[in-house]
């Protein structure tokens, strides 16, 4: 009997427990293989060391799980993909805890959508982290420029001198290519710049849903152009079950109510966030002397996997730092990405790259809060650098 942990404490993790005990173990017994014992559920938001009400397994914190793992009391962790949307840091968090990547497994989404299984399906229920065609998170730009231009914007939108839109035909080819290696994604966020500046946004929405039918797709906007959305875009958003997330900034303080009324009137789903951003965080430095591995493993944004011009990066910095370098005559690292058109590319190679610290990480340090302001017409280094 092999002792394993299950990630999460909710319906998905309970369902996985039953898949292991009622499906996997019964099939594996027929083959004479070694069965699994769920020793614990891992709660990354805290823990109570009590048995769950209906299952014979304790709930432990991530630190306690790490201790059990290092004692060989638990040998692996199983992650239900449908329990994973938004938790794009899970891989690095487990690595930080000392869990070997070879002992982290996903259970693909299809196992949570079926009522019966064949023997081969049951045997292959658990896919190694690096081999599984699943990403918890992906984002992409449809415009690099913006109509608000915040001081300290880490996408460097105020430094984009001319309108810069993503080429749709090229993007369609790129996203289709990505789907050859990554077949399922938890959360997909459509960004900018300001995405509503792109008049072809409806095409991106429709294509993304076609290729990733189970993803939670969200358009992230500053809200300025919400009430100018075309019927074509509104229909695409509704037909493809897409959310709108508004990042509220002070210039819209007097418009919030009418914007929300517009979304309600048009039956558009949106995230329930009405707080205004009063401060930005600034963490960029020109020194390049921070420990890149420490920064990478502890940075929330380091796992905001970004698709840009046929390439995939662990975050957006490898793609947008060019605007900073061009404006201020700097040479911060760029082009730390992996091409989707590399003839030797595999899912394992791609996902391994996304867990590799970047040289660009050396230029990120501890953050400090700055008052939210719009960038000046002639931005200065002090608008971005500590």
Protein backbone atom coordinates (compact mmCIF):
# COMPACT_ATOMS: atom_id res chain seq x y z
CA UNK A 1 0.00 0.00 0.00
CA UNK A 2 1.40 3.39 -1.04
CA UNK A 3 0.45 6.36 1.15
CA UNK A 4 -0.47 9.48 -0.81
CA UNK A 5 -1.93 12.92 -0.14
CA UNK A 6 -4.78 14.62 -1.98
CA UNK A 7 -4.58 18.36 -2.65
CA UNK A 8 -7.53 20.41 -1.39
CA UNK A 9 -10.42 20.11 1.02
CA UNK A 10 -13.61 20.38 -1.00
CA UNK A 11 -15.90 18.48 -3.33
CA UNK A 12 -13.21 17.85 -5.93
CA UNK A 13 -10.78 16.37 -3.42
CA UNK A 14 -13.55 14.24 -1.92
CA UNK A 15 -14.44 13.00 -5.39
CA UNK A 16 -10.79 12.13 -6.03
CA UNK A 17 -10.65 10.20 -2.75
CA UNK A 18 -13.55 8.09 -3.98
CA UNK A 19 -11.96 7.65 -7.39
CA UNK A 20 -8.88 6.25 -5.70
CA UNK A 21 -10.71 3.93 -3.32
CA UNK A 22 -13.64 2.87 -5.50
CA UNK A 23 -12.10 2.85 -8.97
CA UNK A 24 -8.31 2.85 -9.04
CA UNK A 25 -7.73 0.43 -6.17
CA UNK A 26 -10.32 -2.05 -7.40
CA UNK A 27 -8.89 -2.11 -10.90
CA UNK A 28 -5.29 -2.23 -9.74
CA UNK A 29 -6.13 -5.16 -7.45
CA UNK A 30 -7.25 -7.13 -10.51
CA UNK A 31 -3.84 -6.48 -12.06
CA UNK A 32 -1.94 -7.46 -8.94
CA UNK A 33 -0.56 -3.95 -8.54
CA UNK A 34 -0.01 -1.92 -5.40
CA UNK A 35 -3.00 0.01 -4.10
CA UNK A 36 -3.05 3.57 -2.78
CA UNK A 37 -4.01 4.77 0.67
CA UNK A 38 -5.09 8.41 1.03
CA UNK A 39 -3.27 9.40 4.20
CA UNK A 40 -4.28 13.07 4.26
CA UNK A 41 -5.81 16.04 2.50
CA UNK A 42 -3.50 19.04 2.11
CA UNK A 43 -5.05 22.41 2.84
CA UNK A 44 -2.87 25.27 1.61
CA UNK A 45 -5.13 27.79 3.33
CA UNK A 46 -4.57 26.31 6.80
CA UNK A 47 -5.44 23.01 8.42
CA UNK A 48 -7.25 21.14 11.13
CA UNK A 49 -5.81 17.79 12.13
CA UNK A 50 -9.14 16.05 12.26
CA UNK A 51 -10.68 13.40 10.09
CA UNK A 52 -13.08 14.71 7.50
CA UNK A 53 -16.70 14.00 8.33
CA UNK A 54 -17.20 11.29 5.72
CA UNK A 55 -13.68 10.15 4.87
CA UNK A 56 -11.03 8.43 6.93
CA UNK A 57 -8.22 10.89 6.30
CA UNK A 58 -6.86 13.87 8.22
CA UNK A 59 -6.56 17.41 6.93
CA UNK A 60 -3.05 18.81 7.24
CA UNK A 61 -1.29 22.07 6.47
CA UNK A 62 1.26 22.23 3.68
CA UNK A 63 4.02 22.36 6.31
CA UNK A 64 2.73 19.21 8.00
CA UNK A 65 2.46 17.50 4.63
CA UNK A 66 6.09 18.40 3.94
CA UNK A 67 7.10 16.87 7.28
CA UNK A 68 5.20 13.66 6.54
CA UNK A 69 6.73 13.49 3.07
CA UNK A 70 10.27 13.88 4.39
CA UNK A 71 9.56 11.08 6.89
CA UNK A 72 8.38 8.89 3.97
CA UNK A 73 4.99 8.64 5.66
CA UNK A 74 3.49 10.06 2.45
CA UNK A 75 5.13 9.37 -0.90
CA UNK A 76 3.23 11.55 -3.38
CA UNK A 77 0.51 14.15 -3.79
CA UNK A 78 -2.44 13.90 -6.19
CA UNK A 79 -3.96 17.13 -7.53
CA UNK A 80 -7.47 17.17 -9.05
CA UNK A 81 -7.31 19.59 -11.96
CA UNK A 82 -10.86 20.84 -11.41
CA UNK A 83 -9.77 21.88 -7.90
CA UNK A 84 -6.88 23.87 -9.24
CA UNK A 85 -8.23 26.89 -11.11
CA UNK A 86 -6.45 30.02 -9.95
CA UNK A 87 -3.82 28.18 -7.90
CA UNK A 88 -1.10 28.69 -10.47
CA UNK A 89 1.58 28.74 -7.79
CA UNK A 90 1.02 25.15 -6.66
CA UNK A 91 4.02 23.66 -8.47
CA UNK A 92 6.53 26.10 -7.01
CA UNK A 93 4.91 25.96 -3.57
CA UNK A 94 5.37 22.20 -3.45
CA UNK A 95 8.96 22.52 -4.67
CA UNK A 96 9.63 25.09 -1.92
CA UNK A 97 8.34 22.54 0.58
CA UNK A 98 10.91 20.03 -0.64
CA UNK A 99 8.54 17.87 -2.68
CA UNK A 100 10.24 16.30 -5.69
CA UNK A 101 8.54 17.19 -8.95
CA UNK A 102 8.48 13.46 -9.77
CA UNK A 103 6.16 12.90 -6.79
CA UNK A 104 3.53 15.44 -7.88
CA UNK A 105 0.67 14.09 -10.00
CA UNK A 106 -2.37 15.54 -11.70
CA UNK A 107 -5.66 13.76 -12.21
CA UNK A 108 -6.96 15.12 -15.55
CA UNK A 109 -10.36 16.75 -15.79
CA UNK A 110 -11.93 13.93 -17.81
CA UNK A 111 -11.85 11.63 -14.78
CA UNK A 112 -14.27 13.96 -13.02
CA UNK A 113 -16.68 13.96 -15.95
CA UNK A 114 -17.13 10.21 -16.44
CA UNK A 115 -19.28 7.62 -14.70
CA UNK A 116 -17.40 4.51 -15.76
CA UNK A 117 -13.84 3.60 -16.70
CA UNK A 118 -11.98 0.97 -18.64
CA UNK A 119 -9.05 -0.82 -17.05
CA UNK A 120 -6.44 1.18 -19.04
CA UNK A 121 -8.17 4.43 -18.04
CA UNK A 122 -8.11 3.47 -14.38
CA UNK A 123 -4.46 2.44 -14.57
CA UNK A 124 -3.50 5.79 -16.12
CA UNK A 125 -5.51 7.98 -13.76
CA UNK A 126 -2.45 9.76 -12.39
CA UNK A 127 -0.24 11.79 -14.73
CA UNK A 128 3.15 13.14 -13.60
CA UNK A 129 3.10 16.92 -13.18
CA UNK A 130 5.50 17.63 -16.04
CA UNK A 131 3.85 15.19 -18.45
CA UNK A 132 0.27 16.32 -17.91
CA UNK A 133 -1.11 18.59 -20.63
CA UNK A 134 -2.66 20.88 -18.04
CA UNK A 135 -1.78 24.43 -17.02
CA UNK A 136 -3.57 26.05 -14.11
CA UNK A 137 -3.18 29.52 -15.63
CA UNK A 138 -2.52 31.33 -18.91
CA UNK A 139 -2.77 34.97 -19.92
CA UNK A 140 -2.27 36.82 -23.17
CA UNK A 141 -2.30 40.39 -24.44
CA UNK A 142 -4.57 41.59 -27.22
CA UNK A 143 -3.11 45.10 -26.91
CA UNK A 144 0.10 46.32 -25.30
CA UNK A 145 -0.99 49.96 -25.06
CA UNK A 146 -3.60 51.39 -22.71
CA UNK A 147 -6.05 54.28 -22.34
CA UNK A 148 -5.32 54.88 -18.64
CA UNK A 149 -1.54 54.53 -18.29
CA UNK A 150 -0.82 53.97 -14.63
CA UNK A 151 2.46 55.04 -13.12
CA UNK A 152 4.45 51.94 -12.26
CA UNK A 153 2.41 49.66 -14.56
CA UNK A 154 4.48 46.49 -14.74
CA UNK A 155 3.24 45.74 -18.24
CA UNK A 156 4.90 49.05 -19.20
CA UNK A 157 1.82 50.17 -21.14
CA UNK A 158 2.57 53.91 -20.69
CA UNK A 159 5.88 53.29 -22.48
CA UNK A 160 4.25 51.85 -25.62
CA UNK A 161 4.65 54.80 -27.97
CA UNK A 162 2.27 53.63 -30.71
CA UNK A 163 -0.85 51.43 -30.59
CA UNK A 164 0.27 47.83 -30.58
CA UNK A 165 -2.36 45.15 -31.17
CA UNK A 166 -1.81 41.41 -31.29
CA UNK A 167 -2.25 40.05 -34.81
CA UNK A 168 -5.32 37.82 -34.63
CA UNK A 169 -4.42 35.42 -37.44
CA UNK A 170 -0.99 34.85 -35.95
CA UNK A 171 -2.48 34.44 -32.49
CA UNK A 172 -5.03 31.88 -33.72
CA UNK A 173 -2.18 29.82 -35.11
CA UNK A 174 -0.20 30.18 -31.87
CA UNK A 175 -3.06 29.21 -29.54
CA UNK A 176 -3.85 26.21 -31.73
CA UNK A 177 -0.19 25.20 -31.56
CA UNK A 178 -0.22 25.55 -27.78
CA UNK A 179 -3.22 23.21 -27.58
CA UNK A 180 -1.07 20.44 -29.08
CA UNK A 181 0.97 20.44 -25.86
CA UNK A 182 -1.47 21.91 -23.33
CA UNK A 183 -4.94 20.44 -23.73
CA UNK A 184 -6.58 21.94 -20.65
CA UNK A 185 -6.14 25.22 -18.77
CA UNK A 186 -7.72 26.22 -15.46
CA UNK A 187 -7.93 30.01 -15.88
CA UNK A 188 -7.32 32.07 -19.02
CA UNK A 189 -7.15 35.85 -18.65
CA UNK A 190 -7.26 38.22 -21.62
CA UNK A 191 -5.20 41.30 -20.86
CA UNK A 192 -3.46 44.41 -22.09
CA UNK A 193 -2.69 47.16 -21.97
CA UNK A 194 -6.40 47.60 -22.29
CA UNK A 195 -8.07 44.66 -24.09
CA UNK A 196 -11.25 46.58 -24.97
CA UNK A 197 -9.18 48.77 -27.30
CA UNK A 198 -8.95 45.78 -29.65
CA UNK A 199 -11.94 45.78 -32.01
CA UNK A 200 -11.41 42.08 -32.72
CA UNK A 201 -11.70 41.02 -29.09
CA UNK A 202 -14.81 38.96 -29.87
CA UNK A 203 -12.69 36.73 -32.13
CA UNK A 204 -10.20 36.02 -29.35
CA UNK A 205 -13.00 35.16 -26.94
CA UNK A 206 -14.65 32.74 -29.36
CA UNK A 207 -11.40 31.04 -30.37
CA UNK A 208 -10.22 30.63 -26.79
CA UNK A 209 -13.48 28.97 -25.77
CA UNK A 210 -13.37 26.69 -28.83
CA UNK A 211 -9.89 25.41 -28.00
CA UNK A 212 -10.34 25.34 -24.21
CA UNK A 213 -13.99 24.46 -23.50
CA UNK A 214 -13.60 24.00 -19.74
CA UNK A 215 -11.43 27.00 -18.87
CA UNK A 216 -12.57 29.92 -16.76
CA UNK A 217 -12.04 32.77 -19.24
CA UNK A 218 -11.87 36.35 -17.99
CA UNK A 219 -11.37 39.70 -19.72
CA UNK A 220 -9.42 42.03 -17.43
CA UNK A 221 -10.22 45.68 -18.13
CA UNK A 222 -9.97 49.09 -16.49
CA UNK A 223 -13.65 49.58 -17.34
CA UNK A 224 -13.37 52.84 -19.27
CA UNK A 225 -14.76 51.34 -22.49
CA UNK A 226 -17.28 48.94 -20.95
CA UNK A 227 -20.33 50.93 -22.01
CA UNK A 228 -18.96 51.20 -25.55
CA UNK A 229 -18.78 47.45 -26.09
CA UNK A 230 -20.33 46.37 -29.38
CA UNK A 231 -23.24 43.96 -29.55
CA UNK A 232 -20.88 41.57 -31.34
CA UNK A 233 -18.53 41.52 -28.35
CA UNK A 234 -21.38 41.31 -25.84
CA UNK A 235 -22.84 38.32 -27.67
CA UNK A 236 -19.44 36.60 -27.81
CA UNK A 237 -18.91 37.14 -24.08
CA UNK A 238 -22.31 35.69 -23.21
CA UNK A 239 -22.28 32.81 -25.68
CA UNK A 240 -18.85 31.68 -24.48
CA UNK A 241 -19.45 32.06 -20.73
CA UNK A 242 -16.75 34.67 -20.26
CA UNK A 243 -16.34 36.81 -17.16
CA UNK A 244 -15.39 40.47 -17.07
CA UNK A 245 -13.07 41.61 -14.30
CA UNK A 246 -12.75 45.35 -13.77
CA UNK A 247 -9.67 46.76 -12.09
CA UNK A 248 -11.18 49.87 -10.55
CA UNK A 249 -9.04 53.00 -10.54
CA UNK A 250 -9.85 56.47 -9.11
CA UNK A 251 -10.83 58.11 -12.45
CA UNK A 252 -13.89 55.82 -12.58
CA UNK A 253 -15.08 56.57 -9.07
CA UNK A 254 -18.14 58.44 -10.34
CA UNK A 255 -18.88 55.93 -13.11
CA UNK A 256 -18.85 52.65 -11.21
CA UNK A 257 -22.58 52.43 -10.63
CA UNK A 258 -23.52 53.06 -14.27
CA UNK A 259 -20.89 50.56 -15.49
CA UNK A 260 -22.24 47.83 -13.23
CA UNK A 261 -25.78 48.66 -14.34
CA UNK A 262 -24.67 48.24 -17.96
CA UNK A 263 -23.20 44.81 -17.22
CA UNK A 264 -26.34 43.74 -15.37
CA UNK A 265 -28.63 45.04 -18.10
CA UNK A 266 -26.71 43.06 -20.72
CA UNK A 267 -26.52 39.97 -18.48
CA UNK A 268 -22.73 39.90 -18.57
CA UNK A 269 -21.04 37.92 -15.82
CA UNK A 270 -18.48 39.88 -13.84
CA UNK A 271 -16.37 39.35 -10.76
CA UNK A 272 -17.74 40.88 -7.59
CA UNK A 273 -14.96 43.34 -6.96
CA UNK A 274 -15.86 46.97 -6.36
CA UNK A 275 -12.85 48.16 -4.34
CA UNK A 276 -10.78 50.92 -5.90
CA UNK A 277 -7.03 50.61 -6.31
CA UNK A 278 -5.48 53.40 -4.26
CA UNK A 279 -1.92 52.06 -4.33
CA UNK A 280 0.38 50.23 -6.71
CA UNK A 281 3.29 48.03 -5.71
CA UNK A 282 6.75 48.76 -7.04
CA UNK A 283 9.49 46.13 -6.95
CA UNK A 284 11.73 46.80 -9.95
CA UNK A 285 15.43 47.52 -9.53
CA UNK A 286 18.36 48.15 -11.87
CA UNK A 287 20.85 46.42 -9.58
CA UNK A 288 20.22 42.86 -10.73
CA UNK A 289 21.54 41.48 -7.45
CA UNK A 290 18.60 39.59 -5.98
CA UNK A 291 18.56 35.80 -5.79
CA UNK A 292 16.61 34.73 -8.86
CA UNK A 293 15.55 31.36 -7.48
CA UNK A 294 14.20 32.86 -4.28
CA UNK A 295 12.38 35.60 -6.18
CA UNK A 296 10.94 33.13 -8.68
CA UNK A 297 9.66 30.67 -6.09
CA UNK A 298 8.10 33.41 -3.96
CA UNK A 299 6.69 35.66 -6.67
CA UNK A 300 2.98 35.40 -7.44
CA UNK A 301 3.53 36.78 -10.93
CA UNK A 302 6.30 34.32 -11.76
CA UNK A 303 3.62 31.77 -12.62
CA UNK A 304 1.35 34.03 -14.65
CA UNK A 305 2.25 32.06 -17.77
CA UNK A 306 2.07 34.41 -20.75
CA UNK A 307 1.54 33.58 -24.42
CA UNK A 308 3.06 36.23 -26.68
CA UNK A 309 3.97 36.12 -30.37
CA UNK A 310 4.29 32.34 -30.61
CA UNK A 311 6.25 32.00 -27.40
CA UNK A 312 5.43 31.11 -23.81
CA UNK A 313 6.98 32.75 -20.78
CA UNK A 314 6.71 32.06 -17.07
CA UNK A 315 5.40 35.63 -16.73
CA UNK A 316 4.89 38.73 -18.87
CA UNK A 317 8.22 40.44 -18.13
CA UNK A 318 10.21 38.59 -20.83
CA UNK A 319 7.89 40.09 -23.43
CA UNK A 320 7.22 43.65 -22.27
CA UNK A 321 10.59 44.65 -20.79
CA UNK A 322 11.59 45.73 -24.31
CA UNK A 323 9.44 48.85 -23.84
CA UNK A 324 11.29 49.74 -20.64
CA UNK A 325 14.69 49.13 -22.22
CA UNK A 326 13.88 51.20 -25.30
CA UNK A 327 12.50 54.13 -23.32
CA UNK A 328 15.26 54.37 -20.72
CA UNK A 329 18.20 52.93 -22.68
CA UNK A 330 18.53 49.95 -20.34
CA UNK A 331 19.45 46.32 -20.95
CA UNK A 332 17.34 44.27 -18.56
CA UNK A 333 17.05 40.64 -19.72
CA UNK A 334 14.44 39.88 -22.37
CA UNK A 335 13.58 36.91 -24.60
CA UNK A 336 13.55 34.37 -21.76
CA UNK A 337 10.82 32.29 -23.31
CA UNK A 338 10.21 29.06 -25.16
CA UNK A 339 9.01 28.87 -28.75
CA UNK A 340 5.92 26.84 -29.48
CA UNK A 341 7.43 26.05 -32.87
CA UNK A 342 10.58 24.38 -31.58
CA UNK A 343 10.59 21.09 -33.47
CA UNK A 344 11.84 19.30 -30.35
CA UNK A 345 9.22 20.77 -28.02
CA UNK A 346 7.29 18.43 -25.74
CA UNK A 347 4.82 19.03 -22.95
CA UNK A 348 7.47 18.04 -20.42
CA UNK A 349 10.05 20.41 -21.90
CA UNK A 350 7.55 23.27 -21.95
CA UNK A 351 6.39 22.79 -18.37
CA UNK A 352 9.93 22.31 -17.11
CA UNK A 353 10.87 25.65 -18.64
CA UNK A 354 7.95 27.35 -16.90
CA UNK A 355 9.39 26.22 -13.55
CA UNK A 356 12.86 27.60 -14.31
CA UNK A 357 13.93 30.89 -12.63
CA UNK A 358 14.68 33.74 -15.04
CA UNK A 359 17.62 36.11 -15.20
CA UNK A 360 14.96 38.83 -15.25
CA UNK A 361 14.04 37.79 -11.70
CA UNK A 362 17.31 39.33 -10.48
CA UNK A 363 15.79 42.75 -11.13
CA UNK A 364 12.77 42.19 -8.92
CA UNK A 365 13.03 42.65 -5.17
CA UNK A 366 10.92 43.43 -2.16
CA UNK A 367 7.96 45.55 -3.11
CA UNK A 368 6.86 48.86 -1.67
CA UNK A 369 3.53 50.59 -2.04
CA UNK A 370 3.20 53.82 -4.00
CA UNK A 371 0.17 56.03 -4.39
CA UNK A 372 -1.77 55.28 -7.56
CA UNK A 373 -1.27 57.99 -10.16
CA UNK A 374 -1.41 58.25 -13.90
CA UNK A 375 1.98 58.32 -15.58
CA UNK A 376 3.27 61.65 -16.79
CA UNK A 377 3.45 62.45 -20.49
CA UNK A 378 7.22 62.13 -20.22
CA UNK A 379 7.77 59.17 -17.85
CA UNK A 380 10.94 58.94 -15.80
CA UNK A 381 12.85 56.01 -14.35
CA UNK A 382 11.55 56.89 -10.90
CA UNK A 383 8.05 55.99 -12.09
CA UNK A 384 9.15 52.32 -12.22
CA UNK A 385 12.37 51.84 -10.29
CA UNK A 386 12.86 51.65 -6.53
